[in-house]
């Protein structure tokens, strides 16, 4: 577990360093918020980071690296939801003796 914690910390450091580098490439321009009451952001979102890191990766005017990132985020979210549903049904089976097949289908 300690190895995974160290890998996660190192990965987050790399991501933060990349964000700082690519934000500086944008000439220190704050990103305007669509909401006028909010202050300009000084951070990049993941798709903005991908668009800045790979500006020439475009097909028909759309950056496919940012699109790939959106797809992987959605798939990760769906996978987490499925794992949560399976965990809850398993818990109901062990805790209350419910039949897992009917719990998942219901």
PDB file of N, CA and C in Angstrom:
ATOM      1  N   UNK A   1       0.839  -1.190   0.000  1.00  0.00           N
ATOM      2  CA  UNK A   1       0.000   0.000   0.000  1.00  0.00           C
ATOM      3  C   UNK A   1       0.882   1.251   0.000  1.00  0.00           C
ATOM      4  N   UNK A   2       1.993   1.177   0.679  1.00  0.00           N
ATOM      5  CA  UNK A   2       2.900   2.324   0.724  1.00  0.00           C
ATOM      6  C   UNK A   2       3.449   2.636  -0.665  1.00  0.00           C
ATOM      7  N   UNK A   3       3.715   1.600  -1.441  1.00  0.00           N
ATOM      8  CA  UNK A   3       4.211   1.802  -2.806  1.00  0.00           C
ATOM      9  C   UNK A   3       3.178   2.544  -3.654  1.00  0.00           C
ATOM     10  N   UNK A   4       1.904   2.152  -3.532  1.00  0.00           N
ATOM     11  CA  UNK A   4       0.853   2.836  -4.285  1.00  0.00           C
ATOM     12  C   UNK A   4       0.701   4.283  -3.824  1.00  0.00           C
ATOM     13  N   UNK A   5       0.845   4.529  -2.536  1.00  0.00           N
ATOM     14  CA  UNK A   5       0.763   5.894  -2.021  1.00  0.00           C
ATOM     15  C   UNK A   5       1.892   6.752  -2.572  1.00  0.00           C
ATOM     16  N   UNK A   6       3.089   6.194  -2.635  1.00  0.00           N
ATOM     17  CA  UNK A   6       4.221   6.937  -3.182  1.00  0.00           C
ATOM     18  C   UNK A   6       4.040   7.202  -4.676  1.00  0.00           C
ATOM     19  N   UNK A   7       3.529   6.207  -5.408  1.00  0.00           N
ATOM     20  CA  UNK A   7       3.283   6.407  -6.833  1.00  0.00           C
ATOM     21  C   UNK A   7       2.212   7.469  -7.065  1.00  0.00           C
ATOM     22  N   UNK A   8       1.170   7.470  -6.247  1.00  0.00           N
ATOM     23  CA  UNK A   8       0.110   8.469  -6.379  1.00  0.00           C
ATOM     24  C   UNK A   8       0.639   9.869  -6.070  1.00  0.00           C
ATOM     25  N   UNK A   9       1.442   9.989  -5.038  1.00  0.00           N
ATOM     26  CA  UNK A   9       2.014  11.290  -4.684  1.00  0.00           C
ATOM     27  C   UNK A   9       2.933  11.795  -5.794  1.00  0.00           C
ATOM     28  N   UNK A  10       3.741  10.921  -6.351  1.00  0.00           N
ATOM     29  CA  UNK A  10       4.642  11.309  -7.436  1.00  0.00           C
ATOM     30  C   UNK A  10       3.850  11.727  -8.676  1.00  0.00           C
ATOM     31  N   UNK A  11       2.790  10.988  -8.986  1.00  0.00           N
ATOM     32  CA  UNK A  11       1.962  11.318 -10.138  1.00  0.00           C
ATOM     33  C   UNK A  11       1.289  12.672  -9.960  1.00  0.00           C
ATOM     34  N   UNK A  12       0.786  12.951  -8.765  1.00  0.00           N
ATOM     35  CA  UNK A  12       0.160  14.246  -8.505  1.00  0.00           C
ATOM     36  C   UNK A  12       1.178  15.383  -8.611  1.00  0.00           C
ATOM     37  N   UNK A  13       2.411  15.135  -8.171  1.00  0.00           N
ATOM     38  CA  UNK A  13       3.459  16.155  -8.293  1.00  0.00           C
ATOM     39  C   UNK A  13       3.753  16.427  -9.764  1.00  0.00           C
ATOM     40  N   UNK A  14       3.844  15.368 -10.578  1.00  0.00           N
ATOM     41  CA  UNK A  14       4.077  15.545 -12.008  1.00  0.00           C
ATOM     42  C   UNK A  14       2.940  16.334 -12.661  1.00  0.00           C
ATOM     43  N   UNK A  15       1.711  16.034 -12.282  1.00  0.00           N
ATOM     44  CA  UNK A  15       0.566  16.735 -12.839  1.00  0.00           C
ATOM     45  C   UNK A  15       0.580  18.211 -12.442  1.00  0.00           C
ATOM     46  N   UNK A  16       0.894  18.501 -11.183  1.00  0.00           N
ATOM     47  CA  UNK A  16       0.959  19.894 -10.727  1.00  0.00           C
ATOM     48  C   UNK A  16       2.080  20.649 -11.436  1.00  0.00           C
ATOM     49  N   UNK A  17       3.231  20.013 -11.620  1.00  0.00           N
ATOM     50  CA  UNK A  17       4.334  20.659 -12.340  1.00  0.00           C
ATOM     51  C   UNK A  17       3.969  20.931 -13.795  1.00  0.00           C
ATOM     52  N   UNK A  18       3.296  19.983 -14.426  1.00  0.00           N
ATOM     53  CA  UNK A  18       2.875  20.173 -15.818  1.00  0.00           C
ATOM     54  C   UNK A  18       1.867  21.306 -15.921  1.00  0.00           C
ATOM     55  N   UNK A  19       0.947  21.371 -14.969  1.00  0.00           N
ATOM     56  CA  UNK A  19      -0.044  22.442 -14.995  1.00  0.00           C
ATOM     57  C   UNK A  19       0.626  23.804 -14.850  1.00  0.00           C
ATOM     58  N   UNK A  20       1.586  23.918 -13.940  1.00  0.00           N
ATOM     59  CA  UNK A  20       2.301  25.186 -13.765  1.00  0.00           C
ATOM     60  C   UNK A  20       3.041  25.573 -15.046  1.00  0.00           C
ATOM     61  N   UNK A  21       3.701  24.599 -15.662  1.00  0.00           N
ATOM     62  CA  UNK A  21       4.469  24.869 -16.882  1.00  0.00           C
ATOM     63  C   UNK A  21       3.553  25.344 -18.006  1.00  0.00           C
ATOM     64  N   UNK A  22       2.443  24.638 -18.217  1.00  0.00           N
ATOM     65  CA  UNK A  22       1.559  24.987 -19.319  1.00  0.00           C
ATOM     66  C   UNK A  22       0.744  26.238 -19.029  1.00  0.00           C
ATOM     67  N   UNK A  23       0.491  26.530 -17.758  1.00  0.00           N
ATOM     68  CA  UNK A  23      -0.184  27.787 -17.429  1.00  0.00           C
ATOM     69  C   UNK A  23       0.726  28.955 -17.760  1.00  0.00           C
ATOM     70  N   UNK A  24       2.023  28.801 -17.513  1.00  0.00           N
ATOM     71  CA  UNK A  24       2.975  29.853 -17.856  1.00  0.00           C
ATOM     72  C   UNK A  24       3.065  30.039 -19.369  1.00  0.00           C
ATOM     73  N   UNK A  25       2.871  28.960 -20.130  1.00  0.00           N
ATOM     74  CA  UNK A  25       2.888  29.056 -21.580  1.00  0.00           C
ATOM     75  C   UNK A  25       1.715  29.877 -22.105  1.00  0.00           C
ATOM     76  N   UNK A  26       0.673  29.995 -21.299  1.00  0.00           N
ATOM     77  CA  UNK A  26      -0.497  30.765 -21.705  1.00  0.00           C
ATOM     78  C   UNK A  26      -0.317  32.248 -21.386  1.00  0.00           C
ATOM     79  N   UNK A  27       0.905  32.677 -21.105  1.00  0.00           N
ATOM     80  CA  UNK A  27       1.252  34.081 -20.849  1.00  0.00           C
ATOM     81  C   UNK A  27       0.576  34.643 -19.599  1.00  0.00           C
ATOM     82  N   UNK A  28       0.427  33.818 -18.590  1.00  0.00           N
ATOM     83  CA  UNK A  28      -0.134  34.245 -17.307  1.00  0.00           C
ATOM     84  C   UNK A  28      -1.515  34.879 -17.434  1.00  0.00           C
ATOM     85  N   UNK A  29      -2.233  34.549 -18.471  1.00  0.00           N
ATOM     86  CA  UNK A  29      -3.573  35.114 -18.622  1.00  0.00           C
ATOM     87  C   UNK A  29      -4.545  34.333 -17.765  1.00  0.00           C
ATOM     88  N   UNK A  30      -5.248  34.999 -16.855  1.00  0.00           N
ATOM     89  CA  UNK A  30      -6.269  34.276 -16.089  1.00  0.00           C
ATOM     90  C   UNK A  30      -7.382  33.804 -17.014  1.00  0.00           C
ATOM     91  N   UNK A  31      -7.921  32.680 -16.712  1.00  0.00           N
ATOM     92  CA  UNK A  31      -8.991  32.119 -17.524  1.00  0.00           C
ATOM     93  C   UNK A  31     -10.289  32.757 -17.060  1.00  0.00           C
ATOM     94  N   UNK A  32     -10.980  33.398 -17.980  1.00  0.00           N
ATOM     95  CA  UNK A  32     -12.206  34.099 -17.629  1.00  0.00           C
ATOM     96  C   UNK A  32     -13.305  33.104 -17.294  1.00  0.00           C
ATOM     97  N   UNK A  33     -14.000  33.387 -16.229  1.00  0.00           N
ATOM     98  CA  UNK A  33     -15.105  32.547 -15.817  1.00  0.00           C
ATOM     99  C   UNK A  33     -16.370  32.984 -16.547  1.00  0.00           C
ATOM    100  N   UNK A  34     -17.238  32.040 -16.948  1.00  0.00           N
ATOM    101  CA  UNK A  34     -18.486  32.445 -17.592  1.00  0.00           C
ATOM    102  C   UNK A  34     -19.391  33.231 -16.646  1.00  0.00           C
ATOM    103  N   UNK A  35     -19.244  33.000 -15.360  1.00  0.00           N
ATOM    104  CA  UNK A  35     -20.039  33.720 -14.370  1.00  0.00           C
ATOM    105  C   UNK A  35     -19.295  35.001 -14.003  1.00  0.00           C
ATOM    106  N   UNK A  36     -19.906  36.140 -14.223  1.00  0.00           N
ATOM    107  CA  UNK A  36     -19.227  37.428 -14.018  1.00  0.00           C
ATOM    108  C   UNK A  36     -18.894  37.687 -12.550  1.00  0.00           C
ATOM    109  N   UNK A  37     -19.635  37.061 -11.644  1.00  0.00           N
ATOM    110  CA  UNK A  37     -19.403  37.311 -10.218  1.00  0.00           C
ATOM    111  C   UNK A  37     -18.189  36.557  -9.680  1.00  0.00           C
ATOM    112  N   UNK A  38     -17.770  35.498 -10.349  1.00  0.00           N
ATOM    113  CA  UNK A  38     -16.638  34.704  -9.883  1.00  0.00           C
ATOM    114  C   UNK A  38     -15.325  35.319 -10.348  1.00  0.00           C
ATOM    115  N   UNK A  39     -14.295  35.127  -9.560  1.00  0.00           N
ATOM    116  CA  UNK A  39     -12.972  35.630  -9.930  1.00  0.00           C
ATOM    117  C   UNK A  39     -12.382  34.749 -11.030  1.00  0.00           C
ATOM    118  N   UNK A  40     -11.490  35.293 -11.860  1.00  0.00           N
ATOM    119  CA  UNK A  40     -10.836  34.470 -12.884  1.00  0.00           C
ATOM    120  C   UNK A  40     -10.044  33.326 -12.254  1.00  0.00           C
ATOM    121  N   UNK A  41     -10.058  32.189 -12.926  1.00  0.00           N
ATOM    122  CA  UNK A  41      -9.344  31.021 -12.412  1.00  0.00           C
ATOM    123  C   UNK A  41      -7.865  31.104 -12.745  1.00  0.00           C
ATOM    124  N   UNK A  42      -7.051  30.587 -11.863  1.00  0.00           N
ATOM    125  CA  UNK A  42      -5.617  30.495 -12.100  1.00  0.00           C
ATOM    126  C   UNK A  42      -5.176  29.046 -12.242  1.00  0.00           C
ATOM    127  N   UNK A  43      -6.121  28.159 -12.494  1.00  0.00           N
ATOM    128  CA  UNK A  43      -5.829  26.734 -12.650  1.00  0.00           C
ATOM    129  C   UNK A  43      -6.385  26.252 -13.969  1.00  0.00           C
ATOM    130  N   UNK A  44      -5.764  25.237 -14.522  1.00  0.00           N
ATOM    131  CA  UNK A  44      -6.250  24.621 -15.752  1.00  0.00           C
ATOM    132  C   UNK A  44      -7.059  23.378 -15.417  1.00  0.00           C
ATOM    133  N   UNK A  45      -8.114  23.143 -16.172  1.00  0.00           N
ATOM    134  CA  UNK A  45      -8.830  21.882 -16.035  1.00  0.00           C
ATOM    135  C   UNK A  45      -8.062  20.828 -16.830  1.00  0.00           C
ATOM    136  N   UNK A  46      -8.415  19.565 -16.659  1.00  0.00           N
ATOM    137  CA  UNK A  46      -7.714  18.513 -17.390  1.00  0.00           C
ATOM    138  C   UNK A  46      -7.822  18.699 -18.910  1.00  0.00           C
ATOM    139  N   UNK A  47      -9.019  18.975 -19.462  1.00  0.00           N
ATOM    140  CA  UNK A  47      -9.072  19.187 -20.916  1.00  0.00           C
ATOM    141  C   UNK A  47      -8.265  20.402 -21.374  1.00  0.00           C
ATOM    142  N   UNK A  48      -8.268  21.479 -20.602  1.00  0.00           N
ATOM    143  CA  UNK A  48      -7.461  22.641 -20.963  1.00  0.00           C
ATOM    144  C   UNK A  48      -5.978  22.303 -20.939  1.00  0.00           C
ATOM    145  N   UNK A  49      -5.584  21.505 -19.973  1.00  0.00           N
ATOM    146  CA  UNK A  49      -4.192  21.070 -19.896  1.00  0.00           C
ATOM    147  C   UNK A  49      -3.814  20.237 -21.118  1.00  0.00           C
ATOM    148  N   UNK A  50      -4.713  19.351 -21.544  1.00  0.00           N
ATOM    149  CA  UNK A  50      -4.436  18.531 -22.724  1.00  0.00           C
ATOM    150  C   UNK A  50      -4.392  19.385 -23.991  1.00  0.00           C
ATOM    151  N   UNK A  51      -5.306  20.359 -24.108  1.00  0.00           N
ATOM    152  CA  UNK A  51      -5.293  21.229 -25.286  1.00  0.00           C
ATOM    153  C   UNK A  51      -4.020  22.058 -25.350  1.00  0.00           C
ATOM    154  N   UNK A  52      -3.520  22.487 -24.186  1.00  0.00           N
ATOM    155  CA  UNK A  52      -2.290  23.281 -24.154  1.00  0.00           C
ATOM    156  C   UNK A  52      -1.073  22.404 -24.421  1.00  0.00           C
ATOM    157  N   UNK A  53      -1.078  21.186 -23.893  1.00  0.00           N
ATOM    158  CA  UNK A  53       0.068  20.287 -24.075  1.00  0.00           C
ATOM    159  C   UNK A  53       0.148  19.751 -25.503  1.00  0.00           C
ATOM    160  N   UNK A  54      -1.000  19.524 -26.124  1.00  0.00           N
ATOM    161  CA  UNK A  54      -1.043  18.969 -27.487  1.00  0.00           C
ATOM    162  C   UNK A  54      -1.872  19.873 -28.387  1.00  0.00           C
ATOM    163  N   UNK A  55      -1.364  21.058 -28.708  1.00  0.00           N
ATOM    164  CA  UNK A  55      -2.172  21.993 -29.504  1.00  0.00           C
ATOM    165  C   UNK A  55      -2.382  21.559 -30.953  1.00  0.00           C
ATOM    166  N   UNK A  56      -1.502  20.727 -31.494  1.00  0.00           N
ATOM    167  CA  UNK A  56      -1.635  20.321 -32.898  1.00  0.00           C
ATOM    168  C   UNK A  56      -2.415  19.021 -33.065  1.00  0.00           C
ATOM    169  N   UNK A  57      -2.877  18.434 -31.992  1.00  0.00           N
ATOM    170  CA  UNK A  57      -3.616  17.167 -32.063  1.00  0.00           C
ATOM    171  C   UNK A  57      -5.090  17.458 -32.334  1.00  0.00           C
ATOM    172  N   UNK A  58      -5.389  17.920 -33.539  1.00  0.00           N
ATOM    173  CA  UNK A  58      -6.751  18.275 -33.894  1.00  0.00           C
ATOM    174  C   UNK A  58      -7.203  17.536 -35.138  1.00  0.00           C
ATOM    175  N   UNK A  59      -8.462  17.167 -35.118  1.00  0.00           N
ATOM    176  CA  UNK A  59      -9.110  16.579 -36.287  1.00  0.00           C
ATOM    177  C   UNK A  59     -10.417  17.340 -36.470  1.00  0.00           C
ATOM    178  N   UNK A  60     -10.593  17.947 -37.632  1.00  0.00           N
ATOM    179  CA  UNK A  60     -11.768  18.763 -37.927  1.00  0.00           C
ATOM    180  C   UNK A  60     -11.972  19.870 -36.896  1.00  0.00           C
ATOM    181  N   UNK A  61     -10.903  20.451 -36.416  1.00  0.00           N
ATOM    182  CA  UNK A  61     -10.979  21.568 -35.472  1.00  0.00           C
ATOM    183  C   UNK A  61     -11.242  21.183 -34.035  1.00  0.00           C
ATOM    184  N   UNK A  62     -11.250  19.898 -33.738  1.00  0.00           N
ATOM    185  CA  UNK A  62     -11.513  19.430 -32.375  1.00  0.00           C
ATOM    186  C   UNK A  62     -10.265  18.695 -31.861  1.00  0.00           C
ATOM    187  N   UNK A  63      -9.820  19.073 -30.693  1.00  0.00           N
ATOM    188  CA  UNK A  63      -8.634  18.458 -30.119  1.00  0.00           C
ATOM    189  C   UNK A  63      -8.994  17.054 -29.635  1.00  0.00           C
ATOM    190  N   UNK A  64      -8.452  16.028 -30.293  1.00  0.00           N
ATOM    191  CA  UNK A  64      -8.822  14.658 -29.945  1.00  0.00           C
ATOM    192  C   UNK A  64      -8.203  14.187 -28.637  1.00  0.00           C
ATOM    193  N   UNK A  65      -7.138  14.820 -28.164  1.00  0.00           N
ATOM    194  CA  UNK A  65      -6.573  14.442 -26.867  1.00  0.00           C
ATOM    195  C   UNK A  65      -7.528  14.848 -25.741  1.00  0.00           C
ATOM    196  N   UNK A  66      -8.131  16.032 -25.864  1.00  0.00           N
ATOM    197  CA  UNK A  66      -9.119  16.458 -24.866  1.00  0.00           C
ATOM    198  C   UNK A  66     -10.343  15.549 -24.931  1.00  0.00           C
ATOM    199  N   UNK A  67     -10.745  15.155 -26.137  1.00  0.00           N
ATOM    200  CA  UNK A  67     -11.872  14.230 -26.279  1.00  0.00           C
ATOM    201  C   UNK A  67     -11.582  12.870 -25.674  1.00  0.00           C
ATOM    202  N   UNK A  68     -10.367  12.386 -25.888  1.00  0.00           N
ATOM    203  CA  UNK A  68      -9.959  11.118 -25.290  1.00  0.00           C
ATOM    204  C   UNK A  68      -9.993  11.206 -23.763  1.00  0.00           C
ATOM    205  N   UNK A  69      -9.583  12.339 -23.245  1.00  0.00           N
ATOM    206  CA  UNK A  69      -9.612  12.548 -21.798  1.00  0.00           C
ATOM    207  C   UNK A  69     -11.042  12.524 -21.266  1.00  0.00           C
ATOM    208  N   UNK A  70     -11.965  13.202 -21.979  1.00  0.00           N
ATOM    209  CA  UNK A  70     -13.370  13.174 -21.570  1.00  0.00           C
ATOM    210  C   UNK A  70     -13.895  11.742 -21.538  1.00  0.00           C
ATOM    211  N   UNK A  71     -13.588  10.960 -22.564  1.00  0.00           N
ATOM    212  CA  UNK A  71     -14.074   9.578 -22.642  1.00  0.00           C
ATOM    213  C   UNK A  71     -13.524   8.751 -21.477  1.00  0.00           C
ATOM    214  N   UNK A  72     -12.238   8.894 -21.173  1.00  0.00           N
ATOM    215  CA  UNK A  72     -11.665   8.111 -20.075  1.00  0.00           C
ATOM    216  C   UNK A  72     -12.237   8.533 -18.723  1.00  0.00           C
ATOM    217  N   UNK A  73     -12.527   9.808 -18.543  1.00  0.00           N
ATOM    218  CA  UNK A  73     -13.137  10.261 -17.281  1.00  0.00           C
ATOM    219  C   UNK A  73     -14.545   9.682 -17.143  1.00  0.00           C
ATOM    220  N   UNK A  74     -15.312   9.685 -18.222  1.00  0.00           N
ATOM    221  CA  UNK A  74     -16.667   9.124 -18.181  1.00  0.00           C
ATOM    222  C   UNK A  74     -16.618   7.624 -17.911  1.00  0.00           C
ATOM    223  N   UNK A  75     -15.718   6.910 -18.584  1.00  0.00           N
ATOM    224  CA  UNK A  75     -15.603   5.465 -18.366  1.00  0.00           C
ATOM    225  C   UNK A  75     -15.161   5.144 -16.943  1.00  0.00           C
ATOM    226  N   UNK A  76     -14.258   5.951 -16.394  1.00  0.00           N
ATOM    227  CA  UNK A  76     -13.839   5.753 -15.009  1.00  0.00           C
ATOM    228  C   UNK A  76     -15.004   5.965 -14.064  1.00  0.00           C
ATOM    229  N   UNK A  77     -15.800   6.999 -14.295  1.00  0.00           N
ATOM    230  CA  UNK A  77     -16.964   7.266 -13.450  1.00  0.00           C
ATOM    231  C   UNK A  77     -17.977   6.126 -13.529  1.00  0.00           C
ATOM    232  N   UNK A  78     -18.219   5.629 -14.721  1.00  0.00           N
ATOM    233  CA  UNK A  78     -19.144   4.500 -14.867  1.00  0.00           C
ATOM    234  C   UNK A  78     -18.616   3.254 -14.159  1.00  0.00           C
ATOM    235  N   UNK A  79     -17.316   3.007 -14.276  1.00  0.00           N
ATOM    236  CA  UNK A  79     -16.724   1.860 -13.591  1.00  0.00           C
ATOM    237  C   UNK A  79     -16.856   1.960 -12.078  1.00  0.00           C
ATOM    238  N   UNK A  80     -16.683   3.149 -11.549  1.00  0.00           N
ATOM    239  CA  UNK A  80     -16.835   3.353 -10.106  1.00  0.00           C
ATOM    240  C   UNK A  80     -18.279   3.127  -9.693  1.00  0.00           C
ATOM    241  N   UNK A  81     -19.230   3.591 -10.503  1.00  0.00           N
ATOM    242  CA  UNK A  81     -20.642   3.371 -10.186  1.00  0.00           C
ATOM    243  C   UNK A  81     -20.996   1.889 -10.184  1.00  0.00           C
ATOM    244  N   UNK A  82     -20.485   1.151 -11.165  1.00  0.00           N
ATOM    245  CA  UNK A  82     -20.743  -0.294 -11.224  1.00  0.00           C
ATOM    246  C   UNK A  82     -20.135  -0.987 -10.011  1.00  0.00           C
ATOM    247  N   UNK A  83     -18.919  -0.617  -9.645  1.00  0.00           N
ATOM    248  CA  UNK A  83     -18.278  -1.221  -8.471  1.00  0.00           C
ATOM    249  C   UNK A  83     -19.078  -0.918  -7.211  1.00  0.00           C
ATOM    250  N   UNK A  84     -19.643   0.290  -7.112  1.00  0.00           N
ATOM    251  CA  UNK A  84     -20.444   0.655  -5.937  1.00  0.00           C
ATOM    252  C   UNK A  84     -21.718  -0.178  -5.879  1.00  0.00           C
ATOM    253  N   UNK A  85     -22.394  -0.344  -7.021  1.00  0.00           N
ATOM    254  CA  UNK A  85     -23.619  -1.144  -7.042  1.00  0.00           C
ATOM    255  C   UNK A  85     -23.310  -2.589  -6.670  1.00  0.00           C
ATOM    256  N   UNK A  86     -22.227  -3.137  -7.186  1.00  0.00           N
ATOM    257  CA  UNK A  86     -21.859  -4.517  -6.844  1.00  0.00           C
ATOM    258  C   UNK A  86     -21.505  -4.642  -5.362  1.00  0.00           C
ATOM    259  N   UNK A  87     -20.842  -3.648  -4.813  1.00  0.00           N
ATOM    260  CA  UNK A  87     -20.515  -3.674  -3.392  1.00  0.00           C
ATOM    261  C   UNK A  87     -21.781  -3.644  -2.536  1.00  0.00           C
ATOM    262  N   UNK A  88     -22.725  -2.777  -2.871  1.00  0.00           N
ATOM    263  CA  UNK A  88     -23.958  -2.668  -2.094  1.00  0.00           C
ATOM    264  C   UNK A  88     -24.759  -3.961  -2.175  1.00  0.00           C
ATOM    265  N   UNK A  89     -24.869  -4.542  -3.376  1.00  0.00           N
ATOM    266  CA  UNK A  89     -25.632  -5.793  -3.488  1.00  0.00           C
ATOM    267  C   UNK A  89     -24.958  -6.920  -2.728  1.00  0.00           C
ATOM    268  N   UNK A  90     -23.641  -6.947  -2.742  1.00  0.00           N
ATOM    269  CA  UNK A  90     -22.933  -7.976  -1.989  1.00  0.00           C
ATOM    270  C   UNK A  90     -23.145  -7.779  -0.487  1.00  0.00           C
ATOM    271  N   UNK A  91     -23.140  -6.539  -0.052  1.00  0.00           N
ATOM    272  CA  UNK A  91     -23.364  -6.245   1.362  1.00  0.00           C
ATOM    273  C   UNK A  91     -24.775  -6.630   1.778  1.00  0.00           C
ATOM    274  N   UNK A  92     -25.752  -6.354   0.933  1.00  0.00           N
ATOM    275  CA  UNK A  92     -27.128  -6.734   1.242  1.00  0.00           C
ATOM    276  C   UNK A  92     -27.270  -8.248   1.324  1.00  0.00           C
ATOM    277  N   UNK A  93     -26.552  -8.963   0.462  1.00  0.00           N
ATOM    278  CA  UNK A  93     -26.610 -10.420   0.474  1.00  0.00           C
ATOM    279  C   UNK A  93     -26.031 -10.960   1.781  1.00  0.00           C
ATOM    280  N   UNK A  94     -24.869 -10.445   2.188  1.00  0.00           N
ATOM    281  CA  UNK A  94     -24.233 -10.952   3.404  1.00  0.00           C
ATOM    282  C   UNK A  94     -24.914 -10.432   4.672  1.00  0.00           C
ATOM    283  N   UNK A  95     -25.379  -9.225   4.656  1.00  0.00           N
ATOM    284  CA  UNK A  95     -25.957  -8.630   5.859  1.00  0.00           C
ATOM    285  C   UNK A  95     -27.387  -9.030   6.128  1.00  0.00           C
ATOM    286  N   UNK A  96     -28.186  -9.127   5.062  1.00  0.00           N
ATOM    287  CA  UNK A  96     -29.614  -9.376   5.236  1.00  0.00           C
ATOM    288  C   UNK A  96     -30.082 -10.670   4.592  1.00  0.00           C
ATOM    289  N   UNK A  97     -29.197 -11.366   3.906  1.00  0.00           N
ATOM    290  CA  UNK A  97     -29.566 -12.620   3.262  1.00  0.00           C
ATOM    291  C   UNK A  97     -30.400 -12.428   2.009  1.00  0.00           C
ATOM    292  N   UNK A  98     -30.357 -11.240   1.420  1.00  0.00           N
ATOM    293  CA  UNK A  98     -31.112 -10.997   0.191  1.00  0.00           C
ATOM    294  C   UNK A  98     -30.447 -11.703  -0.975  1.00  0.00           C
ATOM    295  N   UNK A  99     -31.238 -12.079  -1.941  1.00  0.00           N
ATOM    296  CA  UNK A  99     -30.707 -12.715  -3.131  1.00  0.00           C
ATOM    297  C   UNK A  99     -30.092 -11.632  -4.013  1.00  0.00           C
ATOM    298  N   UNK A 100     -28.822 -11.787  -4.327  1.00  0.00           N
ATOM    299  CA  UNK A 100     -28.095 -10.767  -5.090  1.00  0.00           C
ATOM    300  C   UNK A 100     -28.630 -10.614  -6.502  1.00  0.00           C
ATOM    301  N   UNK A 101     -29.103 -11.704  -7.135  1.00  0.00           N
ATOM    302  CA  UNK A 101     -29.600 -11.628  -8.495  1.00  0.00           C
ATOM    303  C   UNK A 101     -30.797 -10.686  -8.598  1.00  0.00           C
ATOM    304  N   UNK A 102     -31.738 -10.804  -7.656  1.00  0.00           N
ATOM    305  CA  UNK A 102     -32.913  -9.953  -7.696  1.00  0.00           C
ATOM    306  C   UNK A 102     -32.578  -8.525  -7.276  1.00  0.00           C
ATOM    307  N   UNK A 103     -31.611  -8.359  -6.424  1.00  0.00           N
ATOM    308  CA  UNK A 103     -31.228  -7.015  -5.980  1.00  0.00           C
ATOM    309  C   UNK A 103     -30.619  -6.229  -7.138  1.00  0.00           C
ATOM    310  N   UNK A 104     -29.772  -6.856  -7.945  1.00  0.00           N
ATOM    311  CA  UNK A 104     -29.147  -6.164  -9.075  1.00  0.00           C
ATOM    312  C   UNK A 104     -30.192  -5.880 -10.155  1.00  0.00           C
ATOM    313  N   UNK A 105     -31.076  -6.822 -10.433  1.00  0.00           N
ATOM    314  CA  UNK A 105     -32.083  -6.628 -11.476  1.00  0.00           C
ATOM    315  C   UNK A 105     -33.171  -5.666 -11.064  1.00  0.00           C
ATOM    316  N   UNK A 106     -33.440  -5.556  -9.780  1.00  0.00           N
ATOM    317  CA  UNK A 106     -34.547  -4.717  -9.299  1.00  0.00           C
ATOM    318  C   UNK A 106     -34.118  -3.324  -9.255  1.00  0.00           C
TER     319      UNK A 106
END
